[in-house]
Amino acid sequence: GDCGLRHHRPRNTGAMDMSVCSREGYLTKQGYIRKNWKARWFVLRSNSLGYYKNKMSRKPISVVDMTKALEVEFDQSIQKENCFRIKLPHRTYYLCASNTEDCQNWVDVLKLKVQN
């Protein structure tokens, strides 16, 4: 289990502990109020999914506590490709990846964080 990072980050090869599995990359996120789509730099560390204005930003716009997530699923309800949702008690995040493989990898690693 290498969290699907093998193709992107050679230094992460070898046995990775699934509990500390991390991932980062650009995803397009739907805004909560205005529903517009914006590219954000997402960083998953342990059970925190932070998103930033861009890769260079030091401070996250917000951080999602994945231990509170109810589900992570592919989402076809929006007329966009390679999308998935993270459902939390107070809101649902809609995110889109740049391609199918990237979307699959994000969903796989985020599903590991959902406490059933």
N, C-alpha and C. Protein backbone atom coordinates (compact mmCIF):
# COMPACT_ATOMS: atom_id res chain seq x y z
N GLY A 1 0.83 -1.20 0.00
CA GLY A 1 0.00 0.00 0.00
C GLY A 1 0.85 1.24 0.00
N ASP A 2 0.84 1.94 -1.14
CA ASP A 2 1.66 3.14 -1.23
C ASP A 2 0.81 4.36 -1.50
N CYS A 3 -0.50 4.25 -1.28
CA CYS A 3 -1.39 5.41 -1.37
C CYS A 3 -1.48 5.98 -2.77
N GLY A 4 -1.06 5.24 -3.78
CA GLY A 4 -1.16 5.74 -5.13
C GLY A 4 -0.19 6.88 -5.43
N LEU A 5 0.86 7.00 -4.63
CA LEU A 5 1.81 8.09 -4.84
C LEU A 5 3.03 7.63 -5.64
N ARG A 6 3.09 6.34 -5.94
CA ARG A 6 4.28 5.74 -6.54
C ARG A 6 4.68 6.48 -7.83
N HIS A 7 3.68 6.83 -8.64
CA HIS A 7 3.99 7.41 -9.94
C HIS A 7 4.51 8.84 -9.82
N HIS A 8 4.15 9.55 -8.76
CA HIS A 8 4.45 10.96 -8.66
C HIS A 8 5.67 11.27 -7.81
N ARG A 9 5.88 10.49 -6.76
CA ARG A 9 6.93 10.83 -5.82
C ARG A 9 7.79 9.60 -5.51
N PRO A 10 8.87 9.43 -6.27
CA PRO A 10 9.69 8.23 -6.11
C PRO A 10 10.21 8.04 -4.70
N ARG A 11 10.45 9.16 -3.97
CA ARG A 11 11.05 9.00 -2.64
C ARG A 11 10.09 8.36 -1.64
N ASN A 12 8.80 8.24 -2.02
CA ASN A 12 7.84 7.65 -1.09
C ASN A 12 7.64 6.15 -1.32
N THR A 13 8.57 5.52 -2.05
CA THR A 13 8.42 4.09 -2.28
C THR A 13 8.73 3.34 -1.00
N GLY A 14 8.40 2.07 -0.99
CA GLY A 14 8.62 1.27 0.21
C GLY A 14 7.36 1.22 1.04
N ALA A 15 7.46 0.59 2.19
CA ALA A 15 6.29 0.39 3.04
C ALA A 15 5.87 1.71 3.67
N MET A 16 4.66 2.10 3.39
CA MET A 16 4.14 3.32 4.03
C MET A 16 3.07 2.93 5.02
N ASP A 17 3.10 3.58 6.14
CA ASP A 17 2.09 3.35 7.16
C ASP A 17 0.81 4.05 6.72
N MET A 18 -0.26 3.26 6.53
CA MET A 18 -1.51 3.82 6.03
C MET A 18 -2.08 4.90 6.95
N SER A 19 -1.77 4.84 8.22
CA SER A 19 -2.35 5.79 9.16
C SER A 19 -1.75 7.19 8.99
N VAL A 20 -0.54 7.27 8.43
CA VAL A 20 0.06 8.58 8.25
C VAL A 20 0.15 8.94 6.77
N CYS A 21 -0.60 8.22 5.96
CA CYS A 21 -0.55 8.42 4.53
C CYS A 21 -0.87 9.86 4.16
N SER A 22 -0.02 10.47 3.36
CA SER A 22 -0.22 11.86 3.00
C SER A 22 -0.28 11.99 1.48
N ARG A 23 -0.81 13.11 1.05
CA ARG A 23 -0.92 13.37 -0.38
C ARG A 23 -1.08 14.88 -0.56
N GLU A 24 -0.62 15.39 -1.69
CA GLU A 24 -0.85 16.80 -1.98
C GLU A 24 -0.98 17.02 -3.47
N GLY A 25 -1.67 18.08 -3.84
CA GLY A 25 -1.85 18.38 -5.25
C GLY A 25 -2.99 19.36 -5.44
N TYR A 26 -3.12 19.83 -6.68
CA TYR A 26 -4.20 20.77 -6.99
C TYR A 26 -5.51 20.03 -7.24
N LEU A 27 -6.57 20.55 -6.65
CA LEU A 27 -7.94 20.10 -6.91
C LEU A 27 -8.77 21.34 -7.15
N THR A 28 -9.84 21.18 -7.93
CA THR A 28 -10.76 22.31 -8.13
C THR A 28 -11.90 22.14 -7.14
N LYS A 29 -12.13 23.18 -6.35
CA LYS A 29 -13.12 23.12 -5.28
C LYS A 29 -14.30 24.04 -5.57
N GLN A 30 -15.50 23.54 -5.26
CA GLN A 30 -16.67 24.40 -5.41
C GLN A 30 -16.83 25.25 -4.17
N GLY A 31 -17.05 26.55 -4.38
CA GLY A 31 -17.24 27.46 -3.27
C GLY A 31 -18.53 27.16 -2.52
N TYR A 32 -18.52 27.41 -1.23
CA TYR A 32 -19.67 27.08 -0.36
C TYR A 32 -20.83 28.05 -0.58
N ILE A 33 -20.52 29.32 -0.70
CA ILE A 33 -21.57 30.33 -0.82
C ILE A 33 -21.90 30.59 -2.30
N ARG A 34 -20.87 30.94 -3.07
CA ARG A 34 -21.13 31.39 -4.44
C ARG A 34 -21.11 30.28 -5.47
N LYS A 35 -20.71 29.08 -5.05
CA LYS A 35 -20.73 27.89 -5.91
C LYS A 35 -19.82 27.98 -7.12
N ASN A 36 -18.88 28.93 -7.09
CA ASN A 36 -17.94 29.02 -8.21
C ASN A 36 -16.77 28.06 -7.96
N TRP A 37 -16.11 27.65 -9.03
CA TRP A 37 -15.03 26.67 -8.92
C TRP A 37 -13.68 27.35 -8.95
N LYS A 38 -12.82 26.96 -8.01
CA LYS A 38 -11.48 27.53 -7.95
C LYS A 38 -10.46 26.43 -7.68
N ALA A 39 -9.31 26.54 -8.34
CA ALA A 39 -8.22 25.59 -8.10
C ALA A 39 -7.57 25.93 -6.76
N ARG A 40 -7.39 24.92 -5.95
CA ARG A 40 -6.74 25.08 -4.64
C ARG A 40 -5.69 23.99 -4.46
N TRP A 41 -4.65 24.32 -3.72
CA TRP A 41 -3.59 23.35 -3.40
C TRP A 41 -4.01 22.61 -2.13
N PHE A 42 -4.24 21.31 -2.24
CA PHE A 42 -4.69 20.51 -1.12
C PHE A 42 -3.54 19.70 -0.54
N VAL A 43 -3.47 19.66 0.78
CA VAL A 43 -2.43 18.91 1.47
C VAL A 43 -3.07 18.03 2.54
N LEU A 44 -2.91 16.72 2.37
CA LEU A 44 -3.42 15.77 3.37
C LEU A 44 -2.26 15.31 4.23
N ARG A 45 -2.37 15.58 5.52
CA ARG A 45 -1.36 15.14 6.49
C ARG A 45 -2.10 14.45 7.62
N SER A 46 -1.80 13.18 7.84
CA SER A 46 -2.50 12.42 8.86
C SER A 46 -4.01 12.52 8.61
N ASN A 47 -4.77 13.09 9.54
CA ASN A 47 -6.22 13.19 9.35
C ASN A 47 -6.70 14.59 9.01
N SER A 48 -5.78 15.47 8.62
CA SER A 48 -6.15 16.84 8.28
C SER A 48 -5.96 17.10 6.80
N LEU A 49 -7.02 17.58 6.16
CA LEU A 49 -6.95 17.96 4.76
C LEU A 49 -7.04 19.49 4.68
N GLY A 50 -5.88 20.11 4.48
CA GLY A 50 -5.85 21.57 4.40
C GLY A 50 -5.87 22.01 2.95
N TYR A 51 -6.48 23.15 2.68
CA TYR A 51 -6.36 23.69 1.32
C TYR A 51 -5.90 25.14 1.35
N TYR A 52 -5.11 25.45 0.34
CA TYR A 52 -4.38 26.71 0.25
C TYR A 52 -4.71 27.40 -1.07
N LYS A 53 -4.50 28.71 -1.10
CA LYS A 53 -4.76 29.46 -2.34
C LYS A 53 -3.91 28.92 -3.48
N ASN A 54 -2.66 28.62 -3.18
CA ASN A 54 -1.78 27.98 -4.17
C ASN A 54 -0.64 27.26 -3.44
N LYS A 55 0.22 26.64 -4.22
CA LYS A 55 1.29 25.82 -3.66
C LYS A 55 2.25 26.61 -2.79
N MET A 56 2.37 27.91 -3.07
CA MET A 56 3.33 28.73 -2.34
C MET A 56 2.77 29.28 -1.01
N SER A 57 1.45 29.22 -0.85
CA SER A 57 0.84 29.79 0.36
C SER A 57 1.31 29.05 1.61
N ARG A 58 1.56 29.82 2.66
CA ARG A 58 2.00 29.20 3.91
C ARG A 58 0.83 28.88 4.83
N LYS A 59 -0.20 29.67 4.73
CA LYS A 59 -1.33 29.50 5.64
C LYS A 59 -2.53 28.93 4.90
N PRO A 60 -3.13 27.86 5.43
CA PRO A 60 -4.29 27.29 4.75
C PRO A 60 -5.52 28.19 4.83
N ILE A 61 -6.34 28.15 3.79
CA ILE A 61 -7.62 28.86 3.81
C ILE A 61 -8.51 28.18 4.85
N SER A 62 -8.45 26.86 4.87
CA SER A 62 -9.24 26.08 5.82
C SER A 62 -8.64 24.69 5.94
N VAL A 63 -9.00 24.00 7.00
CA VAL A 63 -8.54 22.62 7.22
C VAL A 63 -9.75 21.75 7.55
N VAL A 64 -9.87 20.64 6.85
CA VAL A 64 -10.97 19.70 7.07
C VAL A 64 -10.47 18.57 7.97
N ASP A 65 -11.18 18.33 9.06
CA ASP A 65 -10.84 17.22 9.96
C ASP A 65 -11.48 15.95 9.40
N MET A 66 -10.65 15.10 8.80
CA MET A 66 -11.19 13.91 8.13
C MET A 66 -11.77 12.88 9.09
N THR A 67 -11.46 12.99 10.38
CA THR A 67 -12.05 12.04 11.34
C THR A 67 -13.55 12.32 11.50
N LYS A 68 -13.98 13.53 11.10
CA LYS A 68 -15.40 13.88 11.19
C LYS A 68 -16.16 13.58 9.89
N ALA A 69 -15.42 13.17 8.86
CA ALA A 69 -16.06 12.90 7.56
C ALA A 69 -16.99 11.70 7.66
N LEU A 70 -18.15 11.83 7.04
CA LEU A 70 -19.14 10.74 7.04
C LEU A 70 -18.93 9.82 5.85
N GLU A 71 -18.50 10.40 4.72
CA GLU A 71 -18.24 9.58 3.54
C GLU A 71 -17.37 10.34 2.55
N VAL A 72 -16.69 9.56 1.72
CA VAL A 72 -15.95 10.09 0.58
C VAL A 72 -16.39 9.24 -0.61
N GLU A 73 -17.00 9.86 -1.60
CA GLU A 73 -17.52 9.10 -2.74
C GLU A 73 -17.33 9.88 -4.04
N PHE A 74 -17.24 9.13 -5.14
CA PHE A 74 -17.26 9.78 -6.46
C PHE A 74 -18.60 10.47 -6.62
N ASP A 75 -18.60 11.57 -7.33
CA ASP A 75 -19.84 12.34 -7.47
C ASP A 75 -20.09 12.70 -8.93
N GLN A 76 -21.24 12.25 -9.43
CA GLN A 76 -21.61 12.57 -10.80
C GLN A 76 -22.73 13.61 -10.86
N SER A 77 -23.12 14.13 -9.70
CA SER A 77 -24.27 15.05 -9.66
C SER A 77 -23.93 16.40 -10.28
N ILE A 78 -22.64 16.75 -10.27
CA ILE A 78 -22.22 18.01 -10.87
C ILE A 78 -21.83 17.70 -12.31
N GLN A 79 -22.08 18.61 -13.20
CA GLN A 79 -21.75 18.35 -14.60
C GLN A 79 -20.26 18.58 -14.88
N LYS A 80 -19.45 17.86 -14.12
CA LYS A 80 -18.00 17.95 -14.31
C LYS A 80 -17.41 16.55 -14.19
N GLU A 81 -16.24 16.35 -14.76
CA GLU A 81 -15.62 15.03 -14.72
C GLU A 81 -14.64 14.93 -13.55
N ASN A 82 -14.38 13.66 -13.16
CA ASN A 82 -13.37 13.36 -12.13
C ASN A 82 -13.64 14.08 -10.81
N CYS A 83 -14.91 14.09 -10.41
CA CYS A 83 -15.29 14.76 -9.18
C CYS A 83 -15.60 13.77 -8.06
N PHE A 84 -15.43 14.24 -6.84
CA PHE A 84 -15.81 13.45 -5.67
C PHE A 84 -16.28 14.40 -4.58
N ARG A 85 -16.91 13.85 -3.57
CA ARG A 85 -17.42 14.67 -2.49
C ARG A 85 -16.90 14.15 -1.16
N ILE A 86 -16.72 15.07 -0.23
CA ILE A 86 -16.40 14.71 1.15
C ILE A 86 -17.57 15.21 1.98
N LYS A 87 -18.31 14.30 2.55
CA LYS A 87 -19.49 14.68 3.32
C LYS A 87 -19.15 14.77 4.80
N LEU A 88 -19.44 15.94 5.38
CA LEU A 88 -19.23 16.19 6.80
C LEU A 88 -20.58 16.54 7.40
N PRO A 89 -20.69 16.51 8.73
CA PRO A 89 -21.99 16.82 9.35
C PRO A 89 -22.52 18.20 8.97
N HIS A 90 -21.64 19.19 8.82
CA HIS A 90 -22.10 20.57 8.61
C HIS A 90 -22.09 21.01 7.16
N ARG A 91 -21.37 20.28 6.28
CA ARG A 91 -21.34 20.65 4.86
C ARG A 91 -20.72 19.54 4.04
N THR A 92 -20.93 19.63 2.73
CA THR A 92 -20.32 18.68 1.80
C THR A 92 -19.39 19.44 0.87
N TYR A 93 -18.16 18.94 0.77
CA TYR A 93 -17.18 19.54 -0.14
C TYR A 93 -17.26 18.82 -1.48
N TYR A 94 -17.30 19.57 -2.57
CA TYR A 94 -17.25 19.00 -3.92
C TYR A 94 -15.91 19.38 -4.54
N LEU A 95 -15.17 18.36 -4.97
CA LEU A 95 -13.82 18.56 -5.48
C LEU A 95 -13.66 17.81 -6.79
N CYS A 96 -12.85 18.38 -7.69
CA CYS A 96 -12.58 17.74 -8.97
C CYS A 96 -11.07 17.65 -9.19
N ALA A 97 -10.65 16.49 -9.68
CA ALA A 97 -9.25 16.28 -10.01
C ALA A 97 -9.04 16.52 -11.50
N SER A 98 -7.79 16.59 -11.91
CA SER A 98 -7.50 16.90 -13.32
C SER A 98 -7.68 15.69 -14.24
N ASN A 99 -7.62 14.48 -13.67
CA ASN A 99 -7.82 13.28 -14.49
C ASN A 99 -8.37 12.14 -13.63
N THR A 100 -8.76 11.08 -14.29
CA THR A 100 -9.41 9.96 -13.61
C THR A 100 -8.51 9.29 -12.58
N GLU A 101 -7.25 9.10 -12.95
CA GLU A 101 -6.31 8.42 -12.04
C GLU A 101 -6.10 9.24 -10.77
N ASP A 102 -5.93 10.54 -10.94
CA ASP A 102 -5.74 11.43 -9.80
C ASP A 102 -6.96 11.40 -8.89
N CYS A 103 -8.14 11.44 -9.51
CA CYS A 103 -9.39 11.39 -8.75
C CYS A 103 -9.47 10.09 -7.94
N GLN A 104 -9.17 8.97 -8.59
CA GLN A 104 -9.20 7.67 -7.92
C GLN A 104 -8.23 7.63 -6.74
N ASN A 105 -7.03 8.17 -6.95
CA ASN A 105 -6.01 8.16 -5.90
C ASN A 105 -6.44 8.99 -4.69
N TRP A 106 -7.02 10.16 -4.94
CA TRP A 106 -7.51 11.00 -3.84
C TRP A 106 -8.62 10.29 -3.07
N VAL A 107 -9.57 9.71 -3.81
CA VAL A 107 -10.69 9.03 -3.14
C VAL A 107 -10.17 7.85 -2.32
N ASP A 108 -9.24 7.09 -2.88
CA ASP A 108 -8.68 5.94 -2.16
C ASP A 108 -8.04 6.35 -0.84
N VAL A 109 -7.20 7.38 -0.89
CA VAL A 109 -6.47 7.77 0.32
C VAL A 109 -7.40 8.44 1.33
N LEU A 110 -8.37 9.22 0.83
CA LEU A 110 -9.31 9.89 1.75
C LEU A 110 -10.27 8.90 2.40
N LYS A 111 -10.64 7.86 1.67
CA LYS A 111 -11.54 6.84 2.23
C LYS A 111 -10.89 6.16 3.45
N LEU A 112 -9.56 6.05 3.42
CA LEU A 112 -8.85 5.43 4.55
C LEU A 112 -9.02 6.23 5.84
N LYS A 113 -9.30 7.53 5.68
CA LYS A 113 -9.40 8.41 6.84
C LYS A 113 -10.79 8.42 7.48
N VAL A 114 -11.78 7.96 6.72
CA VAL A 114 -13.15 8.01 7.24
C VAL A 114 -13.33 6.93 8.31
N GLN A 115 -13.71 7.37 9.49
CA GLN A 115 -13.91 6.43 10.60
C GLN A 115 -15.31 5.82 10.50
N ASN A 116 -15.36 4.57 10.12
CA ASN A 116 -16.70 3.95 9.97
C ASN A 116 -17.33 3.64 11.32
